[in-house]
């Protein structure tokens, strides 16, 4: 499994907090125990608890699906941005059969970009937050491409996390300005390609405005290009643009160079600088992300994850469903063999004669004994664990959940379904229920004592 980034860890932690805030506390007895055993400060324990719950409840897998959908959505938007930029260039220049109004072409290439750029900048400065349409579109597409119902819980948690640290504006700013940078680069590339392969005549046309106005406008627009060494048409050239006796080749070249320079300087460079600025602000804020321990959902975990004293007699709700057992205990950290029994009658003699290398953990018949053993297993996980159960009892959810939790704390696990006492017979239907339940947990079971397996590791 690919290791999660610090942001993704915080994201899942916030998702679990919001889920518990809206739906009530989750069954977290094992998660809390593992977090306490791992140690560390309170934020690290809260994250370990949340990541364990997220893995158990499928949120980690949903996050991966959402990220895949986000990448597909971003790729789609990049392709659309490239086509949009190319379409703007075609709309500005046409097919070359008619002369191009140079200022209309410039407005087509820069107008919408500059209007939306100013709108984004004013929203950022005066509104504090600015929910750009492109950002909302990306989140919507990401959710659609994820195709995971649990992924619907992730975007709200991400937005809440980023808004709390005022990072959403910089994330959206990076996305928006990056996409517009692609649009303008695509338009500029297509503009150069079209002018290199076709011949365009450039003119200015106006019913109300004369050559003096366009000369002043051109001079204003060439202040920055001139400072960068970019050439621009002279006032005389603007006045005689429509004169057929003038050197048309020179006119075309000067207007073409001027148009390319204007798109580069007023279209591409602003978006590039804004994208880099937003990316820099995002990076700075991202490195300072942390849990807000003052939030109610986190504050109430302090006593459970860093208890000042051990609590007894707290009844936690049973889990709504059982989860398949997938032990994460490595062979390098586990050793020895252990036999434990769950809620046996006093009439049964216990324990049986055990090999020297097999330890007896007794009978788990109280909450305290269960907690004590689980804490011990978290520190010293056995390589092999046998769990003895009385199949005359019904396989209730509590017993199965305990079996699953014990199995996750050992390298390998076998369940021993004890034979009926002399003179009694097992209920075949109840025994079948045990078989079905243990198969759902993906645990091996046997009707005879697995002592040879406990001693040697072989059946």
Protein backbone atom coordinates (compact mmCIF):
# COMPACT_ATOMS: atom_id res chain seq x y z
CA UNK A 1 0.00 0.00 0.00
CA UNK A 2 1.36 3.41 -0.95
CA UNK A 3 2.22 5.48 2.10
CA UNK A 4 -0.08 8.44 2.64
CA UNK A 5 1.26 11.99 2.64
CA UNK A 6 0.94 14.21 5.73
CA UNK A 7 -1.88 16.14 4.04
CA UNK A 8 -3.76 12.92 3.27
CA UNK A 9 -3.34 11.78 6.88
CA UNK A 10 -4.84 15.04 8.13
CA UNK A 11 -7.54 14.80 5.47
CA UNK A 12 -8.64 11.33 6.62
CA UNK A 13 -8.49 12.43 10.25
CA UNK A 14 -10.79 15.36 9.49
CA UNK A 15 -13.12 13.06 7.53
CA UNK A 16 -13.45 10.71 10.53
CA UNK A 17 -14.10 13.70 12.84
CA UNK A 18 -16.88 15.07 10.63
CA UNK A 19 -18.37 11.60 10.25
CA UNK A 20 -18.53 11.13 14.03
CA UNK A 21 -19.88 14.66 14.43
CA UNK A 22 -22.84 13.93 12.15
CA UNK A 23 -23.45 10.20 12.72
CA UNK A 24 -22.26 9.72 16.30
CA UNK A 25 -19.18 8.00 17.79
CA UNK A 26 -17.72 5.01 15.95
CA UNK A 27 -16.79 1.70 17.51
CA UNK A 28 -13.18 2.57 18.34
CA UNK A 29 -12.09 0.33 21.22
CA UNK A 30 -9.35 -1.40 19.24
CA UNK A 31 -8.33 1.83 17.47
CA UNK A 32 -7.88 3.61 20.81
CA UNK A 33 -5.89 0.73 22.24
CA UNK A 34 -3.51 0.63 19.27
CA UNK A 35 -3.08 4.40 19.38
CA UNK A 36 -2.23 4.30 23.09
CA UNK A 37 0.21 1.45 22.54
CA UNK A 38 2.01 3.32 19.73
CA UNK A 39 2.60 6.26 22.07
CA UNK A 40 3.51 9.79 21.01
CA UNK A 41 1.77 13.09 21.62
CA UNK A 42 -1.99 13.60 21.39
CA UNK A 43 -2.10 14.76 17.71
CA UNK A 44 -0.15 11.68 16.58
CA UNK A 45 -2.44 9.38 18.60
CA UNK A 46 -5.55 11.03 17.16
CA UNK A 47 -4.18 10.52 13.65
CA UNK A 48 -3.31 6.86 14.31
CA UNK A 49 -6.80 6.25 15.65
CA UNK A 50 -8.44 8.00 12.68
CA UNK A 51 -6.26 6.19 10.11
CA UNK A 52 -7.09 2.81 11.64
CA UNK A 53 -10.81 3.60 11.55
CA UNK A 54 -10.51 4.94 7.99
CA UNK A 55 -8.78 1.75 6.86
CA UNK A 56 -11.37 -0.42 8.59
CA UNK A 57 -14.38 1.47 7.21
CA UNK A 58 -13.08 1.81 3.65
CA UNK A 59 -12.29 5.53 3.72
CA UNK A 60 -8.64 4.98 2.81
CA UNK A 61 -9.64 3.05 -0.32
CA UNK A 62 -12.24 5.74 -1.09
CA UNK A 63 -9.51 8.39 -0.83
CA UNK A 64 -7.42 6.54 -3.39
CA UNK A 65 -10.44 6.29 -5.72
CA UNK A 66 -11.09 10.01 -5.27
CA UNK A 67 -7.49 10.90 -6.05
CA UNK A 68 -7.65 8.80 -9.20
CA UNK A 69 -10.84 10.61 -10.18
CA UNK A 70 -9.19 13.96 -9.40
CA UNK A 71 -6.31 13.15 -11.73
CA UNK A 72 -8.71 12.15 -14.51
CA UNK A 73 -10.73 15.33 -13.96
CA UNK A 74 -7.57 17.45 -14.09
CA UNK A 75 -6.43 15.70 -17.28
CA UNK A 76 -9.82 16.37 -18.88
CA UNK A 77 -9.67 20.04 -17.89
CA UNK A 78 -6.12 20.32 -19.28
CA UNK A 79 -7.29 18.92 -22.62
CA UNK A 80 -10.27 21.30 -22.64
CA UNK A 81 -7.95 24.21 -21.81
CA UNK A 82 -5.71 23.40 -24.77
CA UNK A 83 -8.69 23.18 -27.14
CA UNK A 84 -10.11 26.42 -25.71
CA UNK A 85 -6.87 28.28 -26.33
CA UNK A 86 -6.65 26.94 -29.88
CA UNK A 87 -10.28 27.94 -30.49
CA UNK A 88 -9.56 31.49 -29.28
CA UNK A 89 -6.72 31.78 -31.80
CA UNK A 90 -8.90 30.51 -34.64
CA UNK A 91 -11.67 32.92 -33.62
CA UNK A 92 -9.25 35.85 -33.53
CA UNK A 93 -7.52 35.29 -36.89
CA UNK A 94 -10.05 33.40 -38.97
CA UNK A 95 -9.12 31.38 -42.04
CA UNK A 96 -7.02 34.09 -43.73
CA UNK A 97 -9.55 34.94 -46.45
CA UNK A 98 -10.42 38.25 -44.82
CA UNK A 99 -8.31 40.98 -43.25
CA UNK A 100 -8.05 40.79 -39.46
CA UNK A 101 -9.13 43.71 -37.30
CA UNK A 102 -6.07 43.83 -35.07
CA UNK A 103 -7.81 45.29 -32.02
CA UNK A 104 -10.78 42.93 -32.30
CA UNK A 105 -8.31 40.01 -32.42
CA UNK A 106 -6.49 41.37 -29.38
CA UNK A 107 -9.79 41.69 -27.48
CA UNK A 108 -10.73 38.11 -28.42
CA UNK A 109 -7.42 36.76 -27.17
CA UNK A 110 -7.14 38.80 -23.98
CA UNK A 111 -10.59 40.14 -23.09
CA UNK A 112 -12.15 37.19 -21.24
CA UNK A 113 -8.85 36.27 -19.63
CA UNK A 114 -8.29 39.77 -18.22
CA UNK A 115 -11.90 40.13 -17.03
CA UNK A 116 -11.78 36.80 -15.15
CA UNK A 117 -8.31 37.57 -13.82
CA UNK A 118 -9.54 40.86 -12.34
CA UNK A 119 -12.63 39.11 -10.98
CA UNK A 120 -10.48 36.49 -9.24
CA UNK A 121 -8.09 39.14 -7.86
CA UNK A 122 -10.91 41.35 -6.49
CA UNK A 123 -12.62 38.31 -4.94
CA UNK A 124 -9.36 37.31 -3.29
CA UNK A 125 -8.58 40.80 -1.95
CA UNK A 126 -12.00 42.01 -0.84
CA UNK A 127 -14.08 38.91 -0.24
CA UNK A 128 -11.33 36.96 1.48
CA UNK A 129 -12.52 33.71 -0.11
CA UNK A 130 -13.31 33.14 -3.75
CA UNK A 131 -14.94 29.94 -4.93
CA UNK A 132 -13.83 29.87 -8.56
CA UNK A 133 -16.08 28.07 -11.01
CA UNK A 134 -13.15 26.04 -12.32
CA UNK A 135 -12.38 24.85 -8.79
CA UNK A 136 -15.97 23.75 -8.20
CA UNK A 137 -16.02 22.04 -11.60
CA UNK A 138 -12.85 20.12 -10.75
CA UNK A 139 -14.30 18.92 -7.40
CA UNK A 140 -17.54 17.88 -9.11
CA UNK A 141 -15.74 15.97 -11.86
CA UNK A 142 -13.42 14.32 -9.32
CA UNK A 143 -16.40 12.97 -7.38
CA UNK A 144 -18.06 11.69 -10.56
CA UNK A 145 -14.92 9.93 -11.76
CA UNK A 146 -14.26 8.39 -8.31
CA UNK A 147 -17.43 6.24 -8.49
CA UNK A 148 -17.27 5.46 -4.78
CA UNK A 149 -20.16 6.36 -2.48
CA UNK A 150 -17.81 6.77 0.48
CA UNK A 151 -15.73 9.28 -1.49
CA UNK A 152 -18.62 11.76 -1.13
CA UNK A 153 -17.48 12.34 2.48
CA UNK A 154 -13.98 13.42 1.42
CA UNK A 155 -14.40 16.77 -0.45
CA UNK A 156 -16.31 18.48 2.42
CA UNK A 157 -13.63 17.37 4.88
CA UNK A 158 -10.87 18.67 2.60
CA UNK A 159 -12.59 22.04 2.19
CA UNK A 160 -13.14 22.39 5.94
CA UNK A 161 -9.50 21.52 6.62
CA UNK A 162 -8.17 23.99 4.04
CA UNK A 163 -10.59 26.79 4.99
CA UNK A 164 -9.57 26.52 8.63
CA UNK A 165 -5.98 27.27 7.59
CA UNK A 166 -7.01 29.69 4.78
CA UNK A 167 -5.38 27.48 2.16
CA UNK A 168 -8.34 26.86 -0.12
CA UNK A 169 -7.85 30.24 -1.85
CA UNK A 170 -4.28 29.33 -2.77
CA UNK A 171 -5.16 25.81 -3.88
CA UNK A 172 -7.96 27.09 -6.11
CA UNK A 173 -5.76 29.98 -7.26
CA UNK A 174 -3.05 27.56 -8.36
CA UNK A 175 -5.61 25.49 -10.27
CA UNK A 176 -7.40 28.42 -11.90
CA UNK A 177 -4.30 30.34 -12.92
CA UNK A 178 -2.60 27.15 -14.06
CA UNK A 179 -5.50 26.27 -16.36
CA UNK A 180 -5.65 29.81 -17.74
CA UNK A 181 -1.89 29.69 -18.29
CA UNK A 182 -2.43 26.59 -20.41
CA UNK A 183 -5.23 28.33 -22.32
CA UNK A 184 -3.04 31.33 -23.10
CA UNK A 185 -0.04 29.18 -24.01
CA UNK A 186 -2.22 27.14 -26.34
CA UNK A 187 -3.63 30.32 -27.90
CA UNK A 188 -0.15 31.78 -28.32
CA UNK A 189 1.22 28.60 -29.87
CA UNK A 190 -1.68 28.33 -32.30
CA UNK A 191 -1.39 32.05 -33.08
CA UNK A 192 2.27 31.68 -34.05
CA UNK A 193 1.56 28.49 -36.03
CA UNK A 194 -1.29 30.07 -37.99
CA UNK A 195 0.66 33.22 -38.82
CA UNK A 196 3.65 31.09 -39.86
CA UNK A 197 1.58 29.00 -42.29
CA UNK A 198 -0.94 31.57 -43.58
CA UNK A 199 -0.85 35.15 -44.77
CA UNK A 200 -2.93 37.61 -42.78
CA UNK A 201 -3.59 41.27 -43.48
CA UNK A 202 -4.11 43.40 -40.37
CA UNK A 203 -6.31 46.47 -40.31
CA UNK A 204 -8.10 48.67 -37.83
CA UNK A 205 -11.71 49.61 -38.43
CA UNK A 206 -14.03 51.88 -36.47
CA UNK A 207 -17.09 53.98 -37.23
CA UNK A 208 -16.65 56.29 -34.24
CA UNK A 209 -12.93 56.28 -33.51
CA UNK A 210 -10.08 57.56 -35.65
CA UNK A 211 -6.42 56.78 -36.13
CA UNK A 212 -5.34 59.01 -33.22
CA UNK A 213 -7.24 56.87 -30.72
CA UNK A 214 -5.72 53.63 -32.00
CA UNK A 215 -2.28 55.20 -32.03
CA UNK A 216 -2.67 56.22 -28.37
CA UNK A 217 -4.02 52.77 -27.47
CA UNK A 218 -1.13 51.07 -29.23
CA UNK A 219 1.39 53.30 -27.45
CA UNK A 220 -0.22 52.49 -24.09
CA UNK A 221 -0.10 48.77 -24.77
CA UNK A 222 3.52 48.88 -25.89
CA UNK A 223 4.90 50.54 -22.74
CA UNK A 224 5.74 47.21 -21.14
CA UNK A 225 6.86 45.50 -24.39
CA UNK A 226 9.15 48.46 -25.17
CA UNK A 227 10.69 48.18 -21.71
CA UNK A 228 11.45 44.53 -22.52
CA UNK A 229 12.89 45.41 -25.92
CA UNK A 230 9.81 44.44 -27.94
CA UNK A 231 9.14 46.37 -31.15
CA UNK A 232 5.73 47.86 -31.99
CA UNK A 233 4.10 49.60 -34.96
CA UNK A 234 4.74 53.35 -35.23
CA UNK A 235 1.99 55.97 -35.37
CA UNK A 236 2.57 56.49 -39.10
CA UNK A 237 2.23 52.79 -39.75
CA UNK A 238 -1.08 52.75 -37.91
CA UNK A 239 -2.36 55.68 -40.00
CA UNK A 240 -1.47 54.05 -43.32
CA UNK A 241 -2.48 50.50 -42.45
CA UNK A 242 -5.30 50.71 -44.99
CA UNK A 243 -3.13 52.33 -47.66
CA UNK A 244 -2.58 49.82 -50.45
CA UNK A 245 0.54 51.61 -51.63
CA UNK A 246 2.31 51.08 -48.32
CA UNK A 247 4.70 48.17 -47.81
CA UNK A 248 2.18 45.51 -46.80
CA UNK A 249 4.83 42.93 -45.92
CA UNK A 250 6.35 45.24 -43.32
CA UNK A 251 2.90 46.10 -41.94
CA UNK A 252 1.99 42.44 -41.56
CA UNK A 253 5.22 41.60 -39.79
CA UNK A 254 5.03 44.53 -37.38
CA UNK A 255 1.41 43.86 -36.45
CA UNK A 256 2.08 40.13 -36.08
CA UNK A 257 5.04 40.76 -33.77
CA UNK A 258 3.01 43.28 -31.79
CA UNK A 259 0.06 40.89 -31.40
CA UNK A 260 2.28 38.00 -30.26
CA UNK A 261 4.06 40.26 -27.78
CA UNK A 262 0.78 41.58 -26.36
CA UNK A 263 -0.58 38.04 -25.82
CA UNK A 264 2.68 36.90 -24.23
CA UNK A 265 3.06 39.88 -21.90
CA UNK A 266 -0.58 40.60 -21.01
CA UNK A 267 -1.93 37.06 -21.25
CA UNK A 268 0.74 34.50 -20.42
CA UNK A 269 3.04 36.29 -17.98
CA UNK A 270 0.35 37.49 -15.50
CA UNK A 271 -1.11 34.00 -15.22
CA UNK A 272 2.34 32.47 -14.84
CA UNK A 273 3.33 34.88 -12.06
CA UNK A 274 -0.01 34.45 -10.25
CA UNK A 275 0.20 30.67 -10.48
CA UNK A 276 3.74 30.69 -9.03
CA UNK A 277 2.65 33.08 -6.27
CA UNK A 278 -0.35 30.92 -5.33
CA UNK A 279 1.81 27.82 -5.43
CA UNK A 280 4.35 29.47 -3.11
CA UNK A 281 1.65 30.51 -0.64
CA UNK A 282 0.13 27.02 -0.78
CA UNK A 283 3.49 25.40 -0.12
CA UNK A 284 4.16 27.64 2.89
CA UNK A 285 0.73 26.98 4.41
CA UNK A 286 0.84 23.26 3.57
CA UNK A 287 4.04 22.80 5.57
CA UNK A 288 2.33 24.33 8.64
CA UNK A 289 -0.86 22.23 8.56
CA UNK A 290 -1.76 20.70 11.92
CA UNK A 291 -4.71 19.39 13.91
CA UNK A 292 -6.79 21.93 15.82
CA UNK A 293 -7.07 20.23 19.21
CA UNK A 294 -9.64 22.78 20.38
CA UNK A 295 -12.30 21.28 18.10
CA UNK A 296 -14.91 19.33 20.09
CA UNK A 297 -14.33 16.13 18.15
CA UNK A 298 -10.65 16.08 19.09
CA UNK A 299 -10.86 17.53 22.59
CA UNK A 300 -13.06 14.69 23.84
CA UNK A 301 -10.51 12.10 22.67
CA UNK A 302 -7.84 13.30 25.10
CA UNK A 303 -8.97 11.16 28.04
CA UNK A 304 -9.41 8.06 25.87
CA UNK A 305 -6.05 8.32 24.08
CA UNK A 306 -3.95 9.81 26.91
CA UNK A 307 -5.84 8.67 30.04
CA UNK A 308 -4.78 9.93 33.44
CA UNK A 309 -6.22 6.74 34.94
CA UNK A 310 -7.59 3.47 33.58
CA UNK A 311 -11.36 3.38 33.27
CA UNK A 312 -13.32 0.26 34.12
CA UNK A 313 -16.83 -0.82 33.33
CA UNK A 314 -17.43 1.32 30.23
CA UNK A 315 -19.78 -0.37 27.84
CA UNK A 316 -19.02 0.34 24.19
CA UNK A 317 -21.60 -0.41 21.48
CA UNK A 318 -21.09 -3.57 19.49
CA UNK A 319 -19.89 -3.14 15.92
CA UNK A 320 -22.58 -2.92 13.27
CA UNK A 321 -20.75 -5.43 11.08
CA UNK A 322 -17.80 -7.79 11.18
CA UNK A 323 -14.65 -7.11 9.22
CA UNK A 324 -12.33 -9.61 7.60
CA UNK A 325 -9.22 -10.35 9.61
CA UNK A 326 -6.01 -9.11 7.97
CA UNK A 327 -3.15 -9.41 10.41
CA UNK A 328 -0.50 -6.72 10.08
CA UNK A 329 1.93 -8.45 12.47
CA UNK A 330 5.27 -9.20 10.85
CA UNK A 331 7.13 -12.45 11.44
CA UNK A 332 10.10 -10.36 12.52
CA UNK A 333 8.29 -8.91 15.54
CA UNK A 334 6.19 -11.93 16.57
CA UNK A 335 7.40 -15.01 18.40
CA UNK A 336 6.12 -17.90 20.46
CA UNK A 337 2.74 -19.58 20.64
CA UNK A 338 -0.26 -18.82 22.82
CA UNK A 339 -3.52 -20.58 23.70
CA UNK A 340 -6.50 -18.63 24.99
CA UNK A 341 -10.13 -19.58 25.67
CA UNK A 342 -13.26 -17.45 25.50
CA UNK A 343 -16.03 -17.80 28.11
CA UNK A 344 -15.79 -21.50 28.97
CA UNK A 345 -18.00 -23.16 31.53
CA UNK A 346 -16.43 -24.16 34.83
CA UNK A 347 -17.34 -27.79 34.10
CA UNK A 348 -14.70 -27.95 31.36
CA UNK A 349 -11.21 -28.82 32.58
CA UNK A 350 -8.78 -26.15 31.44
CA UNK A 351 -6.11 -25.81 30.26
CA UNK A 352 -5.13 -29.01 28.46
CA UNK A 353 -1.59 -30.35 28.64
CA UNK A 354 0.52 -27.95 26.61
CA UNK A 355 3.96 -28.30 25.02
CA UNK A 356 6.77 -26.39 26.73
CA UNK A 357 6.94 -23.63 24.12
CA UNK A 358 3.19 -22.90 24.22
CA UNK A 359 1.90 -20.40 26.80
CA UNK A 360 -1.52 -20.38 28.39
CA UNK A 361 -3.38 -17.04 28.47
CA UNK A 362 -6.25 -18.45 30.52
CA UNK A 363 -9.95 -17.86 29.97
CA UNK A 364 -11.29 -14.47 28.89
CA UNK A 365 -14.49 -14.09 30.87
CA UNK A 366 -14.46 -10.40 31.80
CA UNK A 367 -13.81 -7.05 30.22
CA UNK A 368 -10.72 -6.53 32.36
CA UNK A 369 -9.16 -9.83 31.27
CA UNK A 370 -9.80 -8.98 27.64
CA UNK A 371 -8.22 -5.55 27.93
CA UNK A 372 -5.22 -6.94 29.78
CA UNK A 373 -4.55 -9.59 27.13
CA UNK A 374 -5.04 -7.20 24.22
CA UNK A 375 -2.62 -4.72 25.73
CA UNK A 376 -0.12 -7.55 26.21
CA UNK A 377 -0.53 -8.76 22.62
CA UNK A 378 -0.03 -5.26 21.27
CA UNK A 379 3.42 -5.21 22.92
CA UNK A 380 4.38 -8.87 22.47
CA UNK A 381 2.42 -10.35 19.52
CA UNK A 382 2.66 -14.16 19.27
CA UNK A 383 3.62 -15.87 16.05
CA UNK A 384 0.81 -18.43 16.53
CA UNK A 385 -2.42 -17.99 18.45
CA UNK A 386 -5.10 -20.60 19.11
CA UNK A 387 -8.49 -19.42 20.36
CA UNK A 388 -10.68 -22.03 22.04
CA UNK A 389 -14.46 -21.48 21.81
CA UNK A 390 -17.45 -23.37 23.06
CA UNK A 391 -19.67 -24.05 19.98
CA UNK A 392 -22.59 -24.71 22.31
CA UNK A 393 -22.80 -20.93 22.71
CA UNK A 394 -24.18 -18.84 19.86
CA UNK A 395 -21.56 -16.98 17.77
CA UNK A 396 -22.75 -13.52 18.82
CA UNK A 397 -21.25 -10.35 17.40
CA UNK A 398 -19.35 -9.53 20.57
CA UNK A 399 -17.50 -12.87 20.63
CA UNK A 400 -16.73 -12.72 16.90
CA UNK A 401 -15.46 -9.15 17.20
CA UNK A 402 -13.16 -10.22 20.06
CA UNK A 403 -11.89 -13.17 18.00
CA UNK A 404 -11.17 -10.84 15.07
CA UNK A 405 -9.36 -8.36 17.33
CA UNK A 406 -7.24 -11.12 18.86
CA UNK A 407 -6.42 -12.49 15.41
CA UNK A 408 -5.24 -9.09 14.21
CA UNK A 409 -2.75 -9.08 17.08
CA UNK A 410 -1.03 -12.34 16.09
CA UNK A 411 0.97 -13.62 13.16
CA UNK A 412 -1.31 -16.63 12.50
CA UNK A 413 -4.52 -17.66 14.20
CA UNK A 414 -6.56 -20.86 14.48
CA UNK A 415 -9.92 -21.22 16.19
CA UNK A 416 -10.49 -24.40 18.19
CA UNK A 417 -14.16 -25.39 18.37
CA UNK A 418 -14.28 -27.61 21.43
CA UNK A 419 -16.04 -30.94 21.52
CA UNK A 420 -19.18 -31.35 23.62
CA UNK A 421 -18.73 -32.67 27.20
CA UNK A 422 -19.20 -36.43 27.66
CA UNK A 423 -22.82 -37.45 27.40
CA UNK A 424 -23.84 -34.35 25.45
CA UNK A 425 -24.19 -33.66 21.73
CA UNK A 426 -23.41 -30.51 19.80
CA UNK A 427 -26.21 -28.61 18.14
CA UNK A 428 -25.49 -29.13 14.41
CA UNK A 429 -27.26 -25.91 13.41
CA UNK A 430 -25.34 -23.82 15.95
CA UNK A 431 -22.06 -25.46 14.89
CA UNK A 432 -22.89 -24.56 11.30
CA UNK A 433 -23.42 -20.93 12.37
CA UNK A 434 -19.91 -20.96 13.84
CA UNK A 435 -18.47 -22.34 10.61
CA UNK A 436 -20.20 -19.67 8.52
CA UNK A 437 -19.13 -16.84 10.84
CA UNK A 438 -15.48 -17.95 10.94
CA UNK A 439 -15.43 -18.34 7.16
CA UNK A 440 -16.65 -14.75 6.88
CA UNK A 441 -13.76 -13.71 9.11
CA UNK A 442 -11.45 -15.77 6.87
CA UNK A 443 -10.09 -17.67 9.89
CA UNK A 444 -9.04 -21.32 9.93
CA UNK A 445 -10.81 -23.51 12.47
CA UNK A 446 -10.72 -27.11 13.67
CA UNK A 447 -12.70 -29.44 15.91
CA UNK A 448 -9.57 -30.95 17.47
CA UNK A 449 -6.82 -29.33 19.51
CA UNK A 450 -4.27 -27.57 17.24
CA UNK A 451 -1.44 -28.33 19.69
CA UNK A 452 0.94 -29.68 17.08
CA UNK A 453 0.48 -26.52 15.02
CA UNK A 454 1.05 -24.36 18.11
CA UNK A 455 4.27 -26.24 18.91
CA UNK A 456 5.83 -26.54 15.45
CA UNK A 457 3.90 -24.20 13.19
CA UNK A 458 2.89 -27.15 10.99
CA UNK A 459 -0.38 -29.06 10.91
